[in-house]
Amino acid sequence: MNFFSEISILLDSEEQIRELELIAKYKKSQNTSIVGQLYEGYMPLIYGVCLKYLRDSHEADDALMSIYEVITRKLLTNEVQAFRPWLYVVAKNYCFDQLRKKNRAYQRKSEAEIMYSEQVYHPDTVQDDKQVRLRQCIEKLKDDQKLIIHAFYFDKLSYKKIAETHQIEWGKVRNLIQNGRRMLRNCMENYEVK
């Protein structure tokens, strides 16, 4: 080990001790400016982590500020042995959470697009084999779902008209259609030709 490596290790350990002292001070006082002192030196690093995972400079900027808020809460309850690696993990987990949320929102959007596509929303435009599969999937639904799905998609009745005709609440009609759509989508996706 050369002289510069030894100096670097010594400086790193002194910095870690200073950071641990600041964390202890923050836990006692809960003065967020102390967290600001800790965080400020790592902001370029954390921005780089966020940019790496989120791949958008605006989202990385937002994440940088949000992570500061996260660490002000977590430092009060977590036992931190080394601030830099702990901060890196917090930042990475925050980014992963944001990506999961974005992915869930994308999946919900995709599900809506599938359910309102021509193929499901207007069964008469579906190709013959898909129409056969759709009808077979409808047959697999519970009787009340089957009745409501048929009234909505084939008879083209509104929620209100279905509720009046079948003497059930509007909210129940909505639930039956939504659950029926989900079940139809799953059935169509997993359909196996017999």
C-alpha atoms as a PDB file:
ATOM      1  CA  MET A   1       0.000   0.000   0.000  1.00  0.00           C
ATOM      2  CA  ASN A   2       1.455   3.346  -0.989  1.00  0.00           C
ATOM      3  CA  PHE A   3       1.425   6.641   0.879  1.00  0.00           C
ATOM      4  CA  PHE A   4      -1.514   8.115  -1.095  1.00  0.00           C
ATOM      5  CA  SER A   5      -3.696   5.037  -0.471  1.00  0.00           C
ATOM      6  CA  GLU A   6      -3.027   5.265   3.261  1.00  0.00           C
ATOM      7  CA  ILE A   7      -3.881   8.996   3.274  1.00  0.00           C
ATOM      8  CA  SER A   8      -7.072   8.279   1.304  1.00  0.00           C
ATOM      9  CA  ILE A   9      -8.169   5.586   3.775  1.00  0.00           C
ATOM     10  CA  LEU A  10      -7.360   7.874   6.722  1.00  0.00           C
ATOM     11  CA  LEU A  11      -9.380  10.735   5.183  1.00  0.00           C
ATOM     12  CA  ASP A  12     -12.269   8.394   4.376  1.00  0.00           C
ATOM     13  CA  SER A  13     -12.387   7.091   7.950  1.00  0.00           C
ATOM     14  CA  GLU A  14     -12.249  10.648   9.326  1.00  0.00           C
ATOM     15  CA  GLU A  15     -15.127  11.613   7.008  1.00  0.00           C
ATOM     16  CA  GLN A  16     -17.144   8.589   8.146  1.00  0.00           C
ATOM     17  CA  ILE A  17     -16.605   9.510  11.795  1.00  0.00           C
ATOM     18  CA  ARG A  18     -17.701  13.102  11.077  1.00  0.00           C
ATOM     19  CA  GLU A  19     -20.812  11.830   9.254  1.00  0.00           C
ATOM     20  CA  LEU A  20     -21.719   9.471  12.105  1.00  0.00           C
ATOM     21  CA  GLU A  21     -21.328  12.347  14.571  1.00  0.00           C
ATOM     22  CA  LEU A  22     -23.630  14.509  12.431  1.00  0.00           C
ATOM     23  CA  ILE A  23     -26.190  11.686  12.273  1.00  0.00           C
ATOM     24  CA  ALA A  24     -26.136  11.324  16.071  1.00  0.00           C
ATOM     25  CA  LYS A  25     -26.514  15.095  16.415  1.00  0.00           C
ATOM     26  CA  TYR A  26     -29.466  15.040  13.993  1.00  0.00           C
ATOM     27  CA  LYS A  27     -31.190  12.235  15.907  1.00  0.00           C
ATOM     28  CA  LYS A  28     -31.001  14.313  19.082  1.00  0.00           C
ATOM     29  CA  SER A  29     -31.974  17.692  17.638  1.00  0.00           C
ATOM     30  CA  GLN A  30     -34.001  16.671  14.555  1.00  0.00           C
ATOM     31  CA  ASN A  31     -32.626  19.779  12.882  1.00  0.00           C
ATOM     32  CA  THR A  32     -32.910  19.061   9.157  1.00  0.00           C
ATOM     33  CA  SER A  33     -30.105  21.489   8.306  1.00  0.00           C
ATOM     34  CA  ILE A  34     -27.741  18.843   9.692  1.00  0.00           C
ATOM     35  CA  VAL A  35     -29.066  16.365   7.132  1.00  0.00           C
ATOM     36  CA  GLY A  36     -28.542  19.081   4.543  1.00  0.00           C
ATOM     37  CA  GLN A  37     -24.850  19.219   5.534  1.00  0.00           C
ATOM     38  CA  LEU A  38     -24.583  15.454   5.140  1.00  0.00           C
ATOM     39  CA  TYR A  39     -26.487  15.324   1.879  1.00  0.00           C
ATOM     40  CA  GLU A  40     -24.982  18.316   0.117  1.00  0.00           C
ATOM     41  CA  GLY A  41     -21.651  16.660  -0.642  1.00  0.00           C
ATOM     42  CA  TYR A  42     -23.365  13.612  -2.113  1.00  0.00           C
ATOM     43  CA  MET A  43     -25.899  15.397  -4.295  1.00  0.00           C
ATOM     44  CA  PRO A  44     -23.890  14.969  -7.529  1.00  0.00           C
ATOM     45  CA  LEU A  45     -23.458  11.266  -6.771  1.00  0.00           C
ATOM     46  CA  ILE A  46     -27.156  10.782  -5.980  1.00  0.00           C
ATOM     47  CA  TYR A  47     -28.185  12.756  -9.051  1.00  0.00           C
ATOM     48  CA  GLY A  48     -26.000  10.417 -11.128  1.00  0.00           C
ATOM     49  CA  VAL A  49     -27.627   7.352  -9.551  1.00  0.00           C
ATOM     50  CA  CYS A  50     -31.108   8.735 -10.224  1.00  0.00           C
ATOM     51  CA  LEU A  51     -30.236   9.649 -13.783  1.00  0.00           C
ATOM     52  CA  LYS A  52     -28.795   6.177 -14.354  1.00  0.00           C
ATOM     53  CA  TYR A  53     -32.003   4.435 -13.257  1.00  0.00           C
ATOM     54  CA  LEU A  54     -34.727   6.922 -14.149  1.00  0.00           C
ATOM     55  CA  ARG A  55     -33.130   8.046 -17.449  1.00  0.00           C
ATOM     56  CA  ASP A  56     -34.765  11.458 -17.301  1.00  0.00           C
ATOM     57  CA  SER A  57     -33.111  14.620 -15.978  1.00  0.00           C
ATOM     58  CA  HIS A  58     -36.370  16.129 -14.665  1.00  0.00           C
ATOM     59  CA  GLU A  59     -37.257  12.928 -12.821  1.00  0.00           C
ATOM     60  CA  ALA A  60     -33.695  12.757 -11.468  1.00  0.00           C
ATOM     61  CA  ASP A  61     -34.016  16.347 -10.169  1.00  0.00           C
ATOM     62  CA  ASP A  62     -37.313  15.502  -8.471  1.00  0.00           C
ATOM     63  CA  ALA A  63     -35.839  12.309  -7.049  1.00  0.00           C
ATOM     64  CA  LEU A  64     -32.867  14.228  -5.649  1.00  0.00           C
ATOM     65  CA  MET A  65     -35.204  16.380  -3.557  1.00  0.00           C
ATOM     66  CA  SER A  66     -37.485  13.484  -2.613  1.00  0.00           C
ATOM     67  CA  ILE A  67     -34.568  11.367  -1.449  1.00  0.00           C
ATOM     68  CA  TYR A  68     -33.518  14.203   0.864  1.00  0.00           C
ATOM     69  CA  GLU A  69     -36.980  14.030   2.452  1.00  0.00           C
ATOM     70  CA  VAL A  70     -36.758  10.234   2.675  1.00  0.00           C
ATOM     71  CA  ILE A  71     -33.411  10.284   4.449  1.00  0.00           C
ATOM     72  CA  THR A  72     -34.571  12.917   6.950  1.00  0.00           C
ATOM     73  CA  ARG A  73     -37.214  10.383   8.051  1.00  0.00           C
ATOM     74  CA  LYS A  74     -35.096   7.231   7.774  1.00  0.00           C
ATOM     75  CA  LEU A  75     -32.108   8.617   9.661  1.00  0.00           C
ATOM     76  CA  LEU A  76     -34.309   8.953  12.738  1.00  0.00           C
ATOM     77  CA  THR A  77     -35.150   5.239  12.773  1.00  0.00           C
ATOM     78  CA  ASN A  78     -32.329   3.443  10.918  1.00  0.00           C
ATOM     79  CA  GLU A  79     -28.991   2.536  12.441  1.00  0.00           C
ATOM     80  CA  VAL A  80     -26.434   3.813   9.919  1.00  0.00           C
ATOM     81  CA  GLN A  81     -22.882   2.438  10.095  1.00  0.00           C
ATOM     82  CA  ALA A  82     -21.572   4.187   6.980  1.00  0.00           C
ATOM     83  CA  PHE A  83     -23.541   7.067   5.473  1.00  0.00           C
ATOM     84  CA  ARG A  84     -22.351   6.931   1.851  1.00  0.00           C
ATOM     85  CA  PRO A  85     -23.231   3.265   1.111  1.00  0.00           C
ATOM     86  CA  TRP A  86     -26.464   3.599   3.082  1.00  0.00           C
ATOM     87  CA  LEU A  87     -27.410   6.700   1.101  1.00  0.00           C
ATOM     88  CA  TYR A  88     -26.598   4.933  -2.162  1.00  0.00           C
ATOM     89  CA  VAL A  89     -28.941   2.047  -1.260  1.00  0.00           C
ATOM     90  CA  VAL A  90     -31.716   4.458  -0.218  1.00  0.00           C
ATOM     91  CA  ALA A  91     -31.352   6.341  -3.515  1.00  0.00           C
ATOM     92  CA  LYS A  92     -31.302   3.163  -5.587  1.00  0.00           C
ATOM     93  CA  ASN A  93     -34.374   1.772  -3.783  1.00  0.00           C
ATOM     94  CA  TYR A  94     -36.192   5.071  -4.254  1.00  0.00           C
ATOM     95  CA  CYS A  95     -35.499   4.931  -7.995  1.00  0.00           C
ATOM     96  CA  PHE A  96     -36.654   1.313  -8.185  1.00  0.00           C
ATOM     97  CA  ASP A  97     -39.877   2.269  -6.394  1.00  0.00           C
ATOM     98  CA  GLN A  98     -40.444   5.076  -8.893  1.00  0.00           C
ATOM     99  CA  LEU A  99     -39.850   2.680 -11.790  1.00  0.00           C
ATOM    100  CA  ARG A 100     -42.292   0.147 -10.271  1.00  0.00           C
ATOM    101  CA  LYS A 101     -44.941   2.850  -9.865  1.00  0.00           C
ATOM    102  CA  LYS A 102     -44.399   3.993 -13.431  1.00  0.00           C
ATOM    103  CA  ASN A 103     -44.603   0.390 -14.633  1.00  0.00           C
ATOM    104  CA  ARG A 104     -47.871  -0.184 -12.724  1.00  0.00           C
ATOM    105  CA  ALA A 105     -49.329   2.989 -14.224  1.00  0.00           C
ATOM    106  CA  TYR A 106     -48.213   1.814 -17.671  1.00  0.00           C
ATOM    107  CA  GLN A 107     -49.784  -1.606 -17.063  1.00  0.00           C
ATOM    108  CA  ARG A 108     -53.078  -0.016 -15.986  1.00  0.00           C
ATOM    109  CA  LYS A 109     -53.000   2.161 -19.101  1.00  0.00           C
ATOM    110  CA  SER A 110     -52.257  -0.902 -21.254  1.00  0.00           C
ATOM    111  CA  GLU A 111     -55.106  -2.827 -19.640  1.00  0.00           C
ATOM    112  CA  ALA A 112     -57.484   0.023 -20.379  1.00  0.00           C
ATOM    113  CA  GLU A 113     -56.296   0.133 -23.977  1.00  0.00           C
ATOM    114  CA  ILE A 114     -56.826  -3.608 -24.319  1.00  0.00           C
ATOM    115  CA  MET A 115     -60.282  -3.511 -22.776  1.00  0.00           C
ATOM    116  CA  TYR A 116     -61.434  -0.594 -24.904  1.00  0.00           C
ATOM    117  CA  SER A 117     -59.852  -1.836 -28.083  1.00  0.00           C
ATOM    118  CA  GLU A 118     -62.018  -2.636 -31.086  1.00  0.00           C
ATOM    119  CA  GLN A 119     -61.545  -6.335 -30.518  1.00  0.00           C
ATOM    120  CA  VAL A 120     -63.188  -6.398 -27.088  1.00  0.00           C
ATOM    121  CA  TYR A 121     -65.371  -3.312 -27.156  1.00  0.00           C
ATOM    122  CA  HIS A 122     -67.042  -4.145 -30.467  1.00  0.00           C
ATOM    123  CA  PRO A 123     -67.126  -7.935 -30.767  1.00  0.00           C
ATOM    124  CA  ASP A 124     -68.769  -7.778 -34.181  1.00  0.00           C
ATOM    125  CA  THR A 125     -65.484  -6.479 -35.655  1.00  0.00           C
ATOM    126  CA  VAL A 126     -63.435  -9.368 -34.264  1.00  0.00           C
ATOM    127  CA  GLN A 127     -62.141 -11.949 -36.664  1.00  0.00           C
ATOM    128  CA  ASP A 128     -64.115 -15.208 -36.637  1.00  0.00           C
ATOM    129  CA  ASP A 129     -61.643 -17.226 -34.536  1.00  0.00           C
ATOM    130  CA  LYS A 130     -61.294 -14.455 -31.966  1.00  0.00           C
ATOM    131  CA  GLN A 131     -65.053 -14.059 -31.846  1.00  0.00           C
ATOM    132  CA  VAL A 132     -65.431 -17.759 -31.159  1.00  0.00           C
ATOM    133  CA  ARG A 133     -62.821 -17.547 -28.380  1.00  0.00           C
ATOM    134  CA  LEU A 134     -64.513 -14.460 -26.963  1.00  0.00           C
ATOM    135  CA  ARG A 135     -67.879 -16.184 -26.829  1.00  0.00           C
ATOM    136  CA  GLN A 136     -66.285 -19.233 -25.179  1.00  0.00           C
ATOM    137  CA  CYS A 137     -64.642 -16.968 -22.609  1.00  0.00           C
ATOM    138  CA  ILE A 138     -67.964 -15.237 -21.961  1.00  0.00           C
ATOM    139  CA  GLU A 139     -69.519 -18.636 -21.305  1.00  0.00           C
ATOM    140  CA  LYS A 140     -66.946 -19.195 -18.557  1.00  0.00           C
ATOM    141  CA  LEU A 141     -68.145 -16.090 -16.660  1.00  0.00           C
ATOM    142  CA  LYS A 142     -70.538 -16.283 -13.718  1.00  0.00           C
ATOM    143  CA  ASP A 143     -74.196 -16.004 -14.746  1.00  0.00           C
ATOM    144  CA  ASP A 144     -74.664 -12.437 -13.476  1.00  0.00           C
ATOM    145  CA  GLN A 145     -71.440 -11.279 -15.160  1.00  0.00           C
ATOM    146  CA  LYS A 146     -72.361 -13.047 -18.364  1.00  0.00           C
ATOM    147  CA  LEU A 147     -75.765 -11.362 -18.409  1.00  0.00           C
ATOM    148  CA  ILE A 148     -74.360  -7.881 -17.750  1.00  0.00           C
ATOM    149  CA  ILE A 149     -71.426  -8.268 -20.189  1.00  0.00           C
ATOM    150  CA  HIS A 150     -73.818  -9.433 -22.895  1.00  0.00           C
ATOM    151  CA  ALA A 151     -76.168  -6.507 -22.238  1.00  0.00           C
ATOM    152  CA  PHE A 152     -73.323  -3.988 -22.332  1.00  0.00           C
ATOM    153  CA  TYR A 153     -71.269  -5.262 -25.259  1.00  0.00           C
ATOM    154  CA  PHE A 154     -73.772  -7.047 -27.479  1.00  0.00           C
ATOM    155  CA  ASP A 155     -77.016  -5.216 -26.701  1.00  0.00           C
ATOM    156  CA  LYS A 156     -75.011  -1.970 -26.308  1.00  0.00           C
ATOM    157  CA  LEU A 157     -77.005  -0.855 -23.235  1.00  0.00           C
ATOM    158  CA  SER A 158     -75.654   1.850 -20.924  1.00  0.00           C
ATOM    159  CA  TYR A 159     -74.818   1.194 -17.269  1.00  0.00           C
ATOM    160  CA  LYS A 160     -77.951   3.101 -16.288  1.00  0.00           C
ATOM    161  CA  LYS A 161     -80.208   1.146 -18.650  1.00  0.00           C
ATOM    162  CA  ILE A 162     -78.751  -2.173 -17.468  1.00  0.00           C
ATOM    163  CA  ALA A 163     -79.300  -1.159 -13.830  1.00  0.00           C
ATOM    164  CA  GLU A 164     -82.914  -0.225 -14.546  1.00  0.00           C
ATOM    165  CA  THR A 165     -83.649  -3.293 -16.675  1.00  0.00           C
ATOM    166  CA  HIS A 166     -82.148  -5.802 -14.238  1.00  0.00           C
ATOM    167  CA  GLN A 167     -83.099  -3.870 -11.093  1.00  0.00           C
ATOM    168  CA  ILE A 168     -79.609  -3.693  -9.632  1.00  0.00           C
ATOM    169  CA  GLU A 169     -77.517  -0.790  -8.431  1.00  0.00           C
ATOM    170  CA  TRP A 170     -75.442   1.178 -10.934  1.00  0.00           C
ATOM    171  CA  GLY A 171     -72.275   0.496  -8.894  1.00  0.00           C
ATOM    172  CA  LYS A 172     -72.857  -3.253  -9.050  1.00  0.00           C
ATOM    173  CA  VAL A 173     -73.282  -3.022 -12.840  1.00  0.00           C
ATOM    174  CA  ARG A 174     -69.995  -1.167 -13.052  1.00  0.00           C
ATOM    175  CA  ASN A 175     -68.222  -3.760 -10.876  1.00  0.00           C
ATOM    176  CA  LEU A 176     -69.633  -6.658 -12.867  1.00  0.00           C
ATOM    177  CA  ILE A 177     -68.495  -5.089 -16.144  1.00  0.00           C
ATOM    178  CA  GLN A 178     -65.029  -4.218 -14.831  1.00  0.00           C
ATOM    179  CA  ASN A 179     -64.486  -7.664 -13.319  1.00  0.00           C
ATOM    180  CA  GLY A 180     -65.940  -9.287 -16.419  1.00  0.00           C
ATOM    181  CA  ARG A 181     -63.557  -7.295 -18.641  1.00  0.00           C
ATOM    182  CA  ARG A 182     -60.594  -8.371 -16.551  1.00  0.00           C
ATOM    183  CA  MET A 183     -61.666 -12.012 -16.646  1.00  0.00           C
ATOM    184  CA  LEU A 184     -62.292 -11.843 -20.399  1.00  0.00           C
ATOM    185  CA  ARG A 185     -58.919 -10.272 -21.000  1.00  0.00           C
ATOM    186  CA  ASN A 186     -57.190 -12.959 -18.942  1.00  0.00           C
ATOM    187  CA  CYS A 187     -59.149 -15.688 -20.683  1.00  0.00           C
ATOM    188  CA  MET A 188     -58.356 -14.320 -24.138  1.00  0.00           C
ATOM    189  CA  GLU A 189     -54.666 -13.992 -23.275  1.00  0.00           C
ATOM    190  CA  ASN A 190     -54.460 -17.495 -21.843  1.00  0.00           C
ATOM    191  CA  TYR A 191     -56.790 -19.148 -24.304  1.00  0.00           C
ATOM    192  CA  GLU A 192     -55.594 -22.505 -25.516  1.00  0.00           C
ATOM    193  CA  VAL A 193     -57.027 -24.000 -28.656  1.00  0.00           C
ATOM    194  CA  LYS A 194     -58.561 -27.345 -27.794  1.00  0.00           C
END
